[in-house]
């Protein structure tokens, strides 16, 4: 079982990202449908910084934490106009 956390605008707050790491986040999901690289870059950097600090303090390699990053990319949008029956 993995804990997947969808991170939005609050990902710009390093304290929020640290709280998710402490709470047990295994995968940080970033929704790219409404965001661009500049919007999600701070969250990725905060995660890296948080993990580096945490892992430097780990007493043993088995105590190190690794968290995946999932980018949910925008898929094709299908739009329909007026149909025959309304």
C-alpha atoms as a PDB file:
ATOM      1  CA  UNK A   1       0.000   0.000   0.000  1.00  0.00           C
ATOM      2  CA  UNK A   2       1.246   3.470  -0.867  1.00  0.00           C
ATOM      3  CA  UNK A   3       0.072   6.891   0.215  1.00  0.00           C
ATOM      4  CA  UNK A   4      -0.353   9.135  -2.820  1.00  0.00           C
ATOM      5  CA  UNK A   5      -0.762  12.850  -2.088  1.00  0.00           C
ATOM      6  CA  UNK A   6      -1.985  15.218  -4.769  1.00  0.00           C
ATOM      7  CA  UNK A   7      -0.148  18.476  -4.214  1.00  0.00           C
ATOM      8  CA  UNK A   8      -1.472  21.742  -5.581  1.00  0.00           C
ATOM      9  CA  UNK A   9      -0.681  25.354  -4.817  1.00  0.00           C
ATOM     10  CA  UNK A  10       0.242  24.551  -1.203  1.00  0.00           C
ATOM     11  CA  UNK A  11       3.249  22.689  -2.590  1.00  0.00           C
ATOM     12  CA  UNK A  12       4.955  26.072  -2.768  1.00  0.00           C
ATOM     13  CA  UNK A  13       5.092  25.996   1.040  1.00  0.00           C
ATOM     14  CA  UNK A  14       8.085  23.942   2.236  1.00  0.00           C
ATOM     15  CA  UNK A  15       6.367  23.402   5.589  1.00  0.00           C
ATOM     16  CA  UNK A  16       3.367  21.780   3.912  1.00  0.00           C
ATOM     17  CA  UNK A  17       5.574  19.426   1.903  1.00  0.00           C
ATOM     18  CA  UNK A  18       7.485  18.495   5.082  1.00  0.00           C
ATOM     19  CA  UNK A  19       4.178  17.731   6.844  1.00  0.00           C
ATOM     20  CA  UNK A  20       3.227  15.329   4.050  1.00  0.00           C
ATOM     21  CA  UNK A  21       6.612  13.589   4.289  1.00  0.00           C
ATOM     22  CA  UNK A  22       6.238  13.230   8.068  1.00  0.00           C
ATOM     23  CA  UNK A  23       2.684  11.917   7.612  1.00  0.00           C
ATOM     24  CA  UNK A  24       4.010   9.092   5.409  1.00  0.00           C
ATOM     25  CA  UNK A  25       3.604  10.254   1.816  1.00  0.00           C
ATOM     26  CA  UNK A  26       5.063   7.692  -0.610  1.00  0.00           C
ATOM     27  CA  UNK A  27       4.235   9.410  -3.903  1.00  0.00           C
ATOM     28  CA  UNK A  28       3.753  13.102  -4.638  1.00  0.00           C
ATOM     29  CA  UNK A  29       1.204  13.497  -7.448  1.00  0.00           C
ATOM     30  CA  UNK A  30       1.264  16.723  -9.427  1.00  0.00           C
ATOM     31  CA  UNK A  31      -1.715  17.457 -11.669  1.00  0.00           C
ATOM     32  CA  UNK A  32      -0.394  19.066 -14.827  1.00  0.00           C
ATOM     33  CA  UNK A  33      -3.858  19.732 -16.296  1.00  0.00           C
ATOM     34  CA  UNK A  34      -4.011  23.134 -14.660  1.00  0.00           C
ATOM     35  CA  UNK A  35      -0.341  23.813 -13.992  1.00  0.00           C
ATOM     36  CA  UNK A  36       2.882  24.242 -15.902  1.00  0.00           C
ATOM     37  CA  UNK A  37       6.481  23.394 -15.055  1.00  0.00           C
ATOM     38  CA  UNK A  38       6.988  26.712 -13.259  1.00  0.00           C
ATOM     39  CA  UNK A  39       3.988  25.965 -11.043  1.00  0.00           C
ATOM     40  CA  UNK A  40       5.164  22.532  -9.876  1.00  0.00           C
ATOM     41  CA  UNK A  41       8.927  23.128  -9.737  1.00  0.00           C
ATOM     42  CA  UNK A  42       8.813  24.616  -6.206  1.00  0.00           C
ATOM     43  CA  UNK A  43       6.993  21.548  -4.831  1.00  0.00           C
ATOM     44  CA  UNK A  44       9.560  19.212  -6.401  1.00  0.00           C
ATOM     45  CA  UNK A  45      12.453  21.261  -5.023  1.00  0.00           C
ATOM     46  CA  UNK A  46      10.895  21.413  -1.538  1.00  0.00           C
ATOM     47  CA  UNK A  47      10.456  17.636  -1.591  1.00  0.00           C
ATOM     48  CA  UNK A  48      14.085  17.121  -2.613  1.00  0.00           C
ATOM     49  CA  UNK A  49      15.312  19.515   0.076  1.00  0.00           C
ATOM     50  CA  UNK A  50      13.161  17.881   2.750  1.00  0.00           C
ATOM     51  CA  UNK A  51      14.326  14.380   1.825  1.00  0.00           C
ATOM     52  CA  UNK A  52      17.964  15.430   1.691  1.00  0.00           C
ATOM     53  CA  UNK A  53      17.758  16.882   5.207  1.00  0.00           C
ATOM     54  CA  UNK A  54      15.853  13.851   6.515  1.00  0.00           C
ATOM     55  CA  UNK A  55      18.184  11.339   4.876  1.00  0.00           C
ATOM     56  CA  UNK A  56      21.317  13.130   6.103  1.00  0.00           C
ATOM     57  CA  UNK A  57      19.963  12.690   9.630  1.00  0.00           C
ATOM     58  CA  UNK A  58      19.123   9.009   9.108  1.00  0.00           C
ATOM     59  CA  UNK A  59      21.416   6.838  11.174  1.00  0.00           C
ATOM     60  CA  UNK A  60      21.313   3.890   8.795  1.00  0.00           C
ATOM     61  CA  UNK A  61      20.637   3.518   5.059  1.00  0.00           C
ATOM     62  CA  UNK A  62      17.561   1.436   5.884  1.00  0.00           C
ATOM     63  CA  UNK A  63      16.104   4.498   7.625  1.00  0.00           C
ATOM     64  CA  UNK A  64      16.329   6.649   4.508  1.00  0.00           C
ATOM     65  CA  UNK A  65      13.100   7.751   2.835  1.00  0.00           C
ATOM     66  CA  UNK A  66      12.463   7.798  -0.901  1.00  0.00           C
ATOM     67  CA  UNK A  67       9.359   9.373  -2.416  1.00  0.00           C
ATOM     68  CA  UNK A  68       8.247   9.042  -6.017  1.00  0.00           C
ATOM     69  CA  UNK A  69       6.898  11.918  -8.081  1.00  0.00           C
ATOM     70  CA  UNK A  70       3.965  11.258 -10.404  1.00  0.00           C
ATOM     71  CA  UNK A  71       3.170  13.841 -13.046  1.00  0.00           C
ATOM     72  CA  UNK A  72      -0.426  13.479 -14.141  1.00  0.00           C
ATOM     73  CA  UNK A  73      -0.143  14.966 -17.602  1.00  0.00           C
ATOM     74  CA  UNK A  74      -2.940  16.521 -19.547  1.00  0.00           C
ATOM     75  CA  UNK A  75      -4.579  14.142 -21.973  1.00  0.00           C
ATOM     76  CA  UNK A  76      -6.517  14.952 -25.108  1.00  0.00           C
ATOM     77  CA  UNK A  77      -9.690  16.915 -24.606  1.00  0.00           C
ATOM     78  CA  UNK A  78     -12.662  15.823 -26.631  1.00  0.00           C
ATOM     79  CA  UNK A  79     -15.197  18.535 -27.163  1.00  0.00           C
ATOM     80  CA  UNK A  80     -18.471  18.051 -28.919  1.00  0.00           C
ATOM     81  CA  UNK A  81     -20.655  20.644 -30.457  1.00  0.00           C
ATOM     82  CA  UNK A  82     -24.401  20.452 -30.690  1.00  0.00           C
ATOM     83  CA  UNK A  83     -25.552  16.893 -31.322  1.00  0.00           C
ATOM     84  CA  UNK A  84     -28.464  15.785 -33.462  1.00  0.00           C
ATOM     85  CA  UNK A  85     -30.774  15.294 -30.474  1.00  0.00           C
ATOM     86  CA  UNK A  86     -29.705  18.323 -28.527  1.00  0.00           C
END
